[in-house]
């Protein structure tokens, strides 16, 4: 998969990131790596429900910025409703 750009407004600052997805060891999910100016600033891993969880934060990004970043990445890849959840509706 190709890397893509995400920009996040936080306060009066605009943060620009490049997001890449890399196949994880289990072969079923991807590990998300986030770069800013070519340097790794954070990485995430999806859980079985496709919600992202922080793996690394070498740039020590603020918790608020990490949450906004995860929300934007999740929105970039909408996932299917689980068949089990669909049966309950």
Protein backbone atom coordinates (compact mmCIF):
# COMPACT_ATOMS: atom_id res chain seq x y z
CA UNK A 1 0.00 0.00 0.00
CA UNK A 2 1.21 3.51 -0.76
CA UNK A 3 1.95 6.03 1.95
CA UNK A 4 -0.52 8.89 2.33
CA UNK A 5 -0.52 12.35 3.87
CA UNK A 6 -2.55 13.53 6.87
CA UNK A 7 -2.67 17.07 8.25
CA UNK A 8 -4.01 17.82 11.71
CA UNK A 9 -4.90 21.21 13.13
CA UNK A 10 -4.17 21.46 16.83
CA UNK A 11 -4.43 24.87 18.39
CA UNK A 12 -2.77 27.30 16.03
CA UNK A 13 -0.43 24.68 14.56
CA UNK A 14 -0.90 22.44 11.55
CA UNK A 15 0.95 19.13 11.79
CA UNK A 16 1.74 17.26 8.56
CA UNK A 17 2.35 13.52 8.66
CA UNK A 18 3.08 10.72 6.23
CA UNK A 19 1.40 7.43 7.10
CA UNK A 20 2.58 4.02 5.92
CA UNK A 21 1.10 0.60 6.47
CA UNK A 22 3.36 -2.41 6.81
CA UNK A 23 2.35 -6.05 7.03
CA UNK A 24 2.64 -7.28 10.61
CA UNK A 25 4.28 -10.58 11.57
CA UNK A 26 0.92 -12.32 11.93
CA UNK A 27 0.25 -11.64 8.23
CA UNK A 28 -3.34 -10.58 8.95
CA UNK A 29 -3.00 -6.99 10.11
CA UNK A 30 -0.82 -4.04 9.30
CA UNK A 31 1.32 -1.99 11.57
CA UNK A 32 0.88 1.72 10.95
CA UNK A 33 3.99 3.89 10.99
CA UNK A 34 3.73 7.67 11.12
CA UNK A 35 6.49 9.96 9.89
CA UNK A 36 7.03 13.68 10.16
CA UNK A 37 9.76 15.27 8.02
CA UNK A 38 11.04 11.78 7.20
CA UNK A 39 11.45 10.67 10.83
CA UNK A 40 9.37 8.02 12.60
CA UNK A 41 7.25 9.82 15.20
CA UNK A 42 4.70 7.14 16.16
CA UNK A 43 3.41 3.70 15.31
CA UNK A 44 0.05 2.04 15.84
CA UNK A 45 -1.38 -1.45 15.60
CA UNK A 46 -5.05 -2.28 15.02
CA UNK A 47 -6.89 -4.55 17.42
CA UNK A 48 -9.36 -7.23 16.19
CA UNK A 49 -12.04 -4.50 15.95
CA UNK A 50 -9.79 -2.27 13.80
CA UNK A 51 -9.26 0.36 16.51
CA UNK A 52 -5.70 1.63 16.63
CA UNK A 53 -3.50 1.29 19.70
CA UNK A 54 -0.23 3.12 20.19
CA UNK A 55 2.92 0.99 19.90
CA UNK A 56 5.63 3.64 19.90
CA UNK A 57 5.87 7.37 20.43
CA UNK A 58 9.57 8.20 19.90
CA UNK A 59 8.77 11.87 19.17
CA UNK A 60 6.78 12.15 22.40
CA UNK A 61 3.75 13.56 20.62
CA UNK A 62 1.02 14.83 22.92
CA UNK A 63 -1.79 12.46 23.84
CA UNK A 64 -4.32 14.77 22.17
CA UNK A 65 -2.34 14.79 18.92
CA UNK A 66 -1.99 10.99 19.02
CA UNK A 67 -5.76 10.58 19.46
CA UNK A 68 -6.49 12.93 16.56
CA UNK A 69 -3.93 11.13 14.44
CA UNK A 70 -5.43 7.71 15.23
CA UNK A 71 -8.93 9.03 14.44
CA UNK A 72 -7.76 10.34 11.05
CA UNK A 73 -6.00 7.08 10.19
CA UNK A 74 -9.07 5.03 11.19
CA UNK A 75 -11.29 7.33 9.08
CA UNK A 76 -8.97 6.84 6.11
CA UNK A 77 -9.69 3.10 6.20
CA UNK A 78 -13.34 2.48 7.01
CA UNK A 79 -13.84 -1.14 7.99
CA UNK A 80 -16.73 -3.50 7.53
CA UNK A 81 -19.30 -4.12 10.24
CA UNK A 82 -18.64 -7.50 11.77
CA UNK A 83 -21.14 -10.20 10.78
CA UNK A 84 -21.65 -10.94 14.49
CA UNK A 85 -22.50 -7.29 15.19
CA UNK A 86 -24.79 -7.18 12.17
CA UNK A 87 -26.81 -10.12 13.50
CA UNK A 88 -27.58 -8.18 16.71
CA UNK A 89 -29.11 -5.26 14.80
